[in-house]
Amino acid sequence: SFIETYASKNTAKNMEAYLTDNFSPSQLKKQ
């Protein structure tokens, strides 16, 4: 859902950084 919503208006590098920082299994488990 995040990719569908924001990928077209952001760089691949920034998208990947955000996805890794916020949606990794360990991060989601913590949340």
All heavy atoms as atom14 arrays in JSON, in Angstrom:
{
  "sequence": "SFIETYASKNTAKNMEAYLTDNFSPSQLKKQ",
  "atom14_mask": [
    [1, 1, 1, 1, 1, 1, 0, 0, 0, 0, 0, 0, 0, 0],
    [1, 1, 1, 1, 1, 1, 1, 1, 1, 1, 1, 0, 0, 0],
    [1, 1, 1, 1, 1, 1, 1, 1, 0, 0, 0, 0, 0, 0],
    [1, 1, 1, 1, 1, 1, 1, 1, 1, 0, 0, 0, 0, 0],
    [1, 1, 1, 1, 1, 1, 1, 0, 0, 0, 0, 0, 0, 0],
    [1, 1, 1, 1, 1, 1, 1, 1, 1, 1, 1, 1, 0, 0],
    [1, 1, 1, 1, 1, 0, 0, 0, 0, 0, 0, 0, 0, 0],
    [1, 1, 1, 1, 1, 1, 0, 0, 0, 0, 0, 0, 0, 0],
    [1, 1, 1, 1, 1, 1, 1, 1, 1, 0, 0, 0, 0, 0],
    [1, 1, 1, 1, 1, 1, 1, 1, 0, 0, 0, 0, 0, 0],
    [1, 1, 1, 1, 1, 1, 1, 0, 0, 0, 0, 0, 0, 0],
    [1, 1, 1, 1, 1, 0, 0, 0, 0, 0, 0, 0, 0, 0],
    [1, 1, 1, 1, 1, 1, 1, 1, 1, 0, 0, 0, 0, 0],
    [1, 1, 1, 1, 1, 1, 1, 1, 0, 0, 0, 0, 0, 0],
    [1, 1, 1, 1, 1, 1, 1, 1, 0, 0, 0, 0, 0, 0],
    [1, 1, 1, 1, 1, 1, 1, 1, 1, 0, 0, 0, 0, 0],
    [1, 1, 1, 1, 1, 0, 0, 0, 0, 0, 0, 0, 0, 0],
    [1, 1, 1, 1, 1, 1, 1, 1, 1, 1, 1, 1, 0, 0],
    [1, 1, 1, 1, 1, 1, 1, 1, 0, 0, 0, 0, 0, 0],
    [1, 1, 1, 1, 1, 1, 1, 0, 0, 0, 0, 0, 0, 0],
    [1, 1, 1, 1, 1, 1, 1, 1, 0, 0, 0, 0, 0, 0],
    [1, 1, 1, 1, 1, 1, 1, 1, 0, 0, 0, 0, 0, 0],
    [1, 1, 1, 1, 1, 1, 1, 1, 1, 1, 1, 0, 0, 0],
    [1, 1, 1, 1, 1, 1, 0, 0, 0, 0, 0, 0, 0, 0],
    [1, 1, 1, 1, 1, 1, 1, 0, 0, 0, 0, 0, 0, 0],
    [1, 1, 1, 1, 1, 1, 0, 0, 0, 0, 0, 0, 0, 0],
    [1, 1, 1, 1, 1, 1, 1, 1, 1, 0, 0, 0, 0, 0],
    [1, 1, 1, 1, 1, 1, 1, 1, 0, 0, 0, 0, 0, 0],
    [1, 1, 1, 1, 1, 1, 1, 1, 1, 0, 0, 0, 0, 0],
    [1, 1, 1, 1, 1, 1, 1, 1, 1, 0, 0, 0, 0, 0],
    [1, 1, 1, 1, 1, 1, 1, 1, 1, 0, 0, 0, 0, 0]
  ],
  "atom14_positions": [
    [[0.83, -1.21, 0.0], [0.0, 0.0, 0.0], [0.86, 1.26, 0.0], [0.53, 2.24, -0.67], [-0.98, -0.01, 1.17], [-0.31, -0.09, 2.4], [0.0, 0.0, 0.0], [0.0, 0.0, 0.0], [0.0, 0.0, 0.0], [0.0, 0.0, 0.0], [0.0, 0.0, 0.0], [0.0, 0.0, 0.0], [0.0, 0.0, 0.0], [0.0, 0.0, 0.0]],
    [[1.98, 1.25, 0.71], [2.86, 2.42, 0.74], [3.47, 2.66, -0.64], [3.53, 3.8, -1.11], [3.95, 2.25, 1.81], [4.61, 3.54, 2.17], [4.06, 4.39, 3.12], [5.8, 3.92, 1.57], [4.67, 5.59, 3.45], [6.42, 5.12, 1.89], [5.85, 5.96, 2.83], [0.0, 0.0, 0.0], [0.0, 0.0, 0.0], [0.0, 0.0, 0.0]],
    [[3.91, 1.6, -1.28], [4.49, 1.71, -2.63], [3.45, 2.25, -3.6], [3.72, 3.17, -4.38], [5.07, 0.36, -3.09], [6.34, 0.04, -2.28], [5.36, 0.37, -4.59], [6.81, -1.39, -2.42], [0.0, 0.0, 0.0], [0.0, 0.0, 0.0], [0.0, 0.0, 0.0], [0.0, 0.0, 0.0], [0.0, 0.0, 0.0], [0.0, 0.0, 0.0]],
    [[2.25, 1.68, -3.57], [1.2, 2.15, -4.47], [0.9, 3.64, -4.27], [0.66, 4.36, -5.22], [-0.1, 1.37, -4.25], [-0.12, 0.0, -4.85], [-1.46, -0.69, -4.7], [-2.43, -0.11, -4.13], [-1.57, -1.83, -5.16], [0.0, 0.0, 0.0], [0.0, 0.0, 0.0], [0.0, 0.0, 0.0], [0.0, 0.0, 0.0], [0.0, 0.0, 0.0]],
    [[0.92, 4.07, -3.03], [0.55, 5.45, -2.7], [1.66, 6.45, -3.02], [1.38, 7.54, -3.5], [0.15, 5.55, -1.21], [-0.89, 4.61, -0.94], [-0.33, 6.95, -0.85], [0.0, 0.0, 0.0], [0.0, 0.0, 0.0], [0.0, 0.0, 0.0], [0.0, 0.0, 0.0], [0.0, 0.0, 0.0], [0.0, 0.0, 0.0], [0.0, 0.0, 0.0]],
    [[2.92, 6.09, -2.78], [3.98, 7.09, -2.81], [5.12, 6.88, -3.81], [5.89, 7.81, -4.03], [4.59, 7.24, -1.41], [3.58, 7.67, -0.39], [3.18, 6.81, 0.62], [2.98, 8.93, -0.44], [2.23, 7.21, 1.56], [2.04, 9.33, 0.48], [1.66, 8.46, 1.48], [0.73, 8.85, 2.4], [0.0, 0.0, 0.0], [0.0, 0.0, 0.0]],
    [[5.26, 5.72, -4.39], [6.42, 5.44, -5.24], [6.53, 6.39, -6.43], [7.64, 6.78, -6.81], [6.42, 3.99, -5.71], [0.0, 0.0, 0.0], [0.0, 0.0, 0.0], [0.0, 0.0, 0.0], [0.0, 0.0, 0.0], [0.0, 0.0, 0.0], [0.0, 0.0, 0.0], [0.0, 0.0, 0.0], [0.0, 0.0, 0.0], [0.0, 0.0, 0.0]],
    [[5.41, 6.77, -7.0], [5.45, 7.61, -8.21], [5.96, 9.02, -7.94], [6.4, 9.71, -8.86], [4.08, 7.67, -8.87], [3.16, 8.37, -8.04], [0.0, 0.0, 0.0], [0.0, 0.0, 0.0], [0.0, 0.0, 0.0], [0.0, 0.0, 0.0], [0.0, 0.0, 0.0], [0.0, 0.0, 0.0], [0.0, 0.0, 0.0], [0.0, 0.0, 0.0]],
    [[5.96, 9.46, -6.68], [6.37, 10.83, -6.36], [7.63, 10.89, -5.52], [7.97, 11.94, -4.98], [5.24, 11.56, -5.64], [4.03, 11.78, -6.53], [3.04, 12.68, -5.87], [1.9, 12.97, -6.82], [0.98, 13.98, -6.31], [0.0, 0.0, 0.0], [0.0, 0.0, 0.0], [0.0, 0.0, 0.0], [0.0, 0.0, 0.0], [0.0, 0.0, 0.0]],
    [[8.32, 9.74, -5.37], [9.53, 9.7, -4.56], [10.59, 8.84, -5.24], [10.27, 8.0, -6.07], [9.21, 9.13, -3.16], [8.36, 10.07, -2.35], [8.86, 11.06, -1.83], [7.06, 9.8, -2.26], [0.0, 0.0, 0.0], [0.0, 0.0, 0.0], [0.0, 0.0, 0.0], [0.0, 0.0, 0.0], [0.0, 0.0, 0.0], [0.0, 0.0, 0.0]],
    [[11.85, 9.05, -4.84], [12.92, 8.26, -5.44], [12.9, 6.83, -4.91], [12.44, 6.58, -3.78], [14.31, 8.87, -5.13], [14.55, 8.75, -3.71], [14.4, 10.33, -5.56], [0.0, 0.0, 0.0], [0.0, 0.0, 0.0], [0.0, 0.0, 0.0], [0.0, 0.0, 0.0], [0.0, 0.0, 0.0], [0.0, 0.0, 0.0], [0.0, 0.0, 0.0]],
    [[13.39, 5.92, -5.71], [13.47, 4.52, -5.3], [14.34, 4.38, -4.05], [14.02, 3.59, -3.15], [14.03, 3.67, -6.43], [0.0, 0.0, 0.0], [0.0, 0.0, 0.0], [0.0, 0.0, 0.0], [0.0, 0.0, 0.0], [0.0, 0.0, 0.0], [0.0, 0.0, 0.0], [0.0, 0.0, 0.0], [0.0, 0.0, 0.0], [0.0, 0.0, 0.0]],
    [[15.41, 5.15, -3.97], [16.31, 5.09, -2.81], [15.59, 5.51, -1.52], [15.71, 4.85, -0.49], [17.53, 5.98, -3.06], [18.56, 5.93, -1.96], [19.76, 6.79, -2.3], [20.78, 6.73, -1.18], [21.94, 7.57, -1.44], [0.0, 0.0, 0.0], [0.0, 0.0, 0.0], [0.0, 0.0, 0.0], [0.0, 0.0, 0.0], [0.0, 0.0, 0.0]],
    [[14.83, 6.61, -1.58], [14.1, 7.07, -0.39], [12.99, 6.1, -0.01], [12.74, 5.87, 1.17], [13.55, 8.47, -0.61], [14.61, 9.53, -0.47], [15.64, 9.33, 0.17], [14.39, 10.68, -1.09], [0.0, 0.0, 0.0], [0.0, 0.0, 0.0], [0.0, 0.0, 0.0], [0.0, 0.0, 0.0], [0.0, 0.0, 0.0], [0.0, 0.0, 0.0]],
    [[12.33, 5.54, -1.02], [11.27, 4.56, -0.75], [11.86, 3.34, -0.05], [11.33, 2.87, 0.95], [10.57, 4.15, -2.04], [9.66, 5.22, -2.62], [8.21, 5.59, -1.61], [7.31, 4.04, -1.72], [0.0, 0.0, 0.0], [0.0, 0.0, 0.0], [0.0, 0.0, 0.0], [0.0, 0.0, 0.0], [0.0, 0.0, 0.0], [0.0, 0.0, 0.0]],
    [[12.95, 2.83, -0.58], [13.57, 1.63, -0.01], [14.02, 1.89, 1.43], [13.83, 1.06, 2.31], [14.75, 1.17, -0.86], [15.36, -0.14, -0.41], [14.37, -1.3, -0.35], [13.5, -1.4, -1.22], [14.49, -2.12, 0.6], [0.0, 0.0, 0.0], [0.0, 0.0, 0.0], [0.0, 0.0, 0.0], [0.0, 0.0, 0.0], [0.0, 0.0, 0.0]],
    [[14.59, 3.06, 1.68], [15.04, 3.4, 3.03], [13.85, 3.42, 3.99], [13.92, 2.87, 5.1], [15.76, 4.75, 3.03], [0.0, 0.0, 0.0], [0.0, 0.0, 0.0], [0.0, 0.0, 0.0], [0.0, 0.0, 0.0], [0.0, 0.0, 0.0], [0.0, 0.0, 0.0], [0.0, 0.0, 0.0], [0.0, 0.0, 0.0], [0.0, 0.0, 0.0]],
    [[12.75, 4.03, 3.57], [11.59, 4.11, 4.44], [10.99, 2.72, 4.69], [10.65, 2.38, 5.83], [10.52, 5.05, 3.85], [9.39, 5.28, 4.82], [9.5, 6.25, 5.81], [8.25, 4.5, 4.79], [8.49, 6.44, 6.73], [7.22, 4.69, 5.71], [7.35, 5.66, 6.67], [6.35, 5.83, 7.6], [0.0, 0.0, 0.0], [0.0, 0.0, 0.0]],
    [[10.85, 1.93, 3.64], [10.28, 0.59, 3.78], [11.13, -0.26, 4.73], [10.59, -0.97, 5.58], [10.16, -0.1, 2.42], [9.15, 0.53, 1.44], [9.27, -0.12, 0.07], [7.74, 0.44, 1.96], [0.0, 0.0, 0.0], [0.0, 0.0, 0.0], [0.0, 0.0, 0.0], [0.0, 0.0, 0.0], [0.0, 0.0, 0.0], [0.0, 0.0, 0.0]],
    [[12.44, -0.18, 4.58], [13.34, -0.95, 5.43], [13.27, -0.5, 6.89], [13.2, -1.33, 7.8], [14.79, -0.82, 4.92], [14.84, -1.33, 3.58], [15.76, -1.6, 5.79], [0.0, 0.0, 0.0], [0.0, 0.0, 0.0], [0.0, 0.0, 0.0], [0.0, 0.0, 0.0], [0.0, 0.0, 0.0], [0.0, 0.0, 0.0], [0.0, 0.0, 0.0]],
    [[13.24, 0.8, 7.09], [13.22, 1.34, 8.46], [11.88, 1.12, 9.18], [11.86, 1.01, 10.4], [13.51, 2.85, 8.45], [14.95, 3.17, 8.11], [15.78, 2.25, 8.1], [15.22, 4.35, 7.83], [0.0, 0.0, 0.0], [0.0, 0.0, 0.0], [0.0, 0.0, 0.0], [0.0, 0.0, 0.0], [0.0, 0.0, 0.0], [0.0, 0.0, 0.0]],
    [[10.79, 1.08, 8.44], [9.47, 1.09, 9.07], [8.66, -0.18, 8.93], [7.76, -0.42, 9.73], [8.66, 2.27, 8.54], [9.23, 3.58, 9.01], [8.96, 4.0, 10.12], [10.06, 4.2, 8.17], [0.0, 0.0, 0.0], [0.0, 0.0, 0.0], [0.0, 0.0, 0.0], [0.0, 0.0, 0.0], [0.0, 0.0, 0.0], [0.0, 0.0, 0.0]],
    [[8.92, -0.99, 7.9], [8.07, -2.14, 7.63], [8.81, -3.47, 7.64], [8.31, -4.45, 7.09], [7.34, -1.95, 6.29], [6.45, -0.73, 6.25], [6.45, 0.08, 5.14], [5.62, -0.4, 7.31], [5.63, 1.21, 5.08], [4.81, 0.73, 7.26], [4.81, 1.52, 6.14], [0.0, 0.0, 0.0], [0.0, 0.0, 0.0], [0.0, 0.0, 0.0]],
    [[9.96, -3.52, 8.27], [10.65, -4.8, 8.41], [9.9, -5.64, 9.46], [9.21, -5.08, 10.32], [12.09, -4.59, 8.87], [12.1, -4.07, 10.2], [0.0, 0.0, 0.0], [0.0, 0.0, 0.0], [0.0, 0.0, 0.0], [0.0, 0.0, 0.0], [0.0, 0.0, 0.0], [0.0, 0.0, 0.0], [0.0, 0.0, 0.0], [0.0, 0.0, 0.0]],
    [[10.01, -6.97, 9.39], [9.33, -7.79, 10.41], [9.72, -7.4, 11.84], [8.86, -7.34, 12.71], [9.78, -9.21, 10.07], [10.06, -9.16, 8.6], [10.64, -7.79, 8.35], [0.0, 0.0, 0.0], [0.0, 0.0, 0.0], [0.0, 0.0, 0.0], [0.0, 0.0, 0.0], [0.0, 0.0, 0.0], [0.0, 0.0, 0.0], [0.0, 0.0, 0.0]],
    [[11.0, -7.09, 12.07], [11.42, -6.75, 13.44], [10.8, -5.42, 13.89], [10.37, -5.29, 15.03], [12.95, -6.69, 13.55], [13.47, -5.69, 12.71], [0.0, 0.0, 0.0], [0.0, 0.0, 0.0], [0.0, 0.0, 0.0], [0.0, 0.0, 0.0], [0.0, 0.0, 0.0], [0.0, 0.0, 0.0], [0.0, 0.0, 0.0], [0.0, 0.0, 0.0]],
    [[10.73, -4.45, 12.99], [10.13, -3.17, 13.34], [8.62, -3.31, 13.58], [8.08, -2.76, 14.54], [10.4, -2.15, 12.23], [9.86, -0.77, 12.52], [10.49, -0.1, 13.72], [10.16, -0.41, 14.86], [11.39, 0.82, 13.47], [0.0, 0.0, 0.0], [0.0, 0.0, 0.0], [0.0, 0.0, 0.0], [0.0, 0.0, 0.0], [0.0, 0.0, 0.0]],
    [[7.94, -4.06, 12.72], [6.5, -4.27, 12.9], [6.21, -5.05, 14.18], [5.25, -4.75, 14.89], [5.91, -4.97, 11.67], [5.88, -4.12, 10.4], [5.48, -4.96, 9.21], [4.95, -2.92, 10.55], [0.0, 0.0, 0.0], [0.0, 0.0, 0.0], [0.0, 0.0, 0.0], [0.0, 0.0, 0.0], [0.0, 0.0, 0.0], [0.0, 0.0, 0.0]],
    [[7.05, -6.02, 14.48], [6.88, -6.8, 15.72], [7.0, -5.88, 16.94], [6.2, -5.97, 17.88], [7.93, -7.91, 15.79], [7.8, -8.8, 16.99], [8.83, -9.92, 16.97], [8.68, -10.81, 18.18], [9.66, -11.89, 18.22], [0.0, 0.0, 0.0], [0.0, 0.0, 0.0], [0.0, 0.0, 0.0], [0.0, 0.0, 0.0], [0.0, 0.0, 0.0]],
    [[7.98, -4.99, 16.9], [8.17, -4.03, 17.99], [6.93, -3.15, 18.15], [6.46, -2.91, 19.26], [9.41, -3.18, 17.68], [9.85, -2.26, 18.79], [11.21, -1.7, 18.48], [11.1, -0.22, 18.3], [12.34, 0.45, 17.96], [0.0, 0.0, 0.0], [0.0, 0.0, 0.0], [0.0, 0.0, 0.0], [0.0, 0.0, 0.0], [0.0, 0.0, 0.0]],
    [[6.36, -2.71, 17.01], [5.17, -1.86, 17.06], [3.95, -2.63, 17.57], [3.17, -2.09, 18.36], [4.89, -1.27, 15.68], [5.96, -0.28, 15.22], [5.75, 0.17, 13.8], [4.62, 0.44, 13.38], [6.83, 0.25, 13.04], [0.0, 0.0, 0.0], [0.0, 0.0, 0.0], [0.0, 0.0, 0.0], [0.0, 0.0, 0.0], [0.0, 0.0, 0.0]]
  ]
}
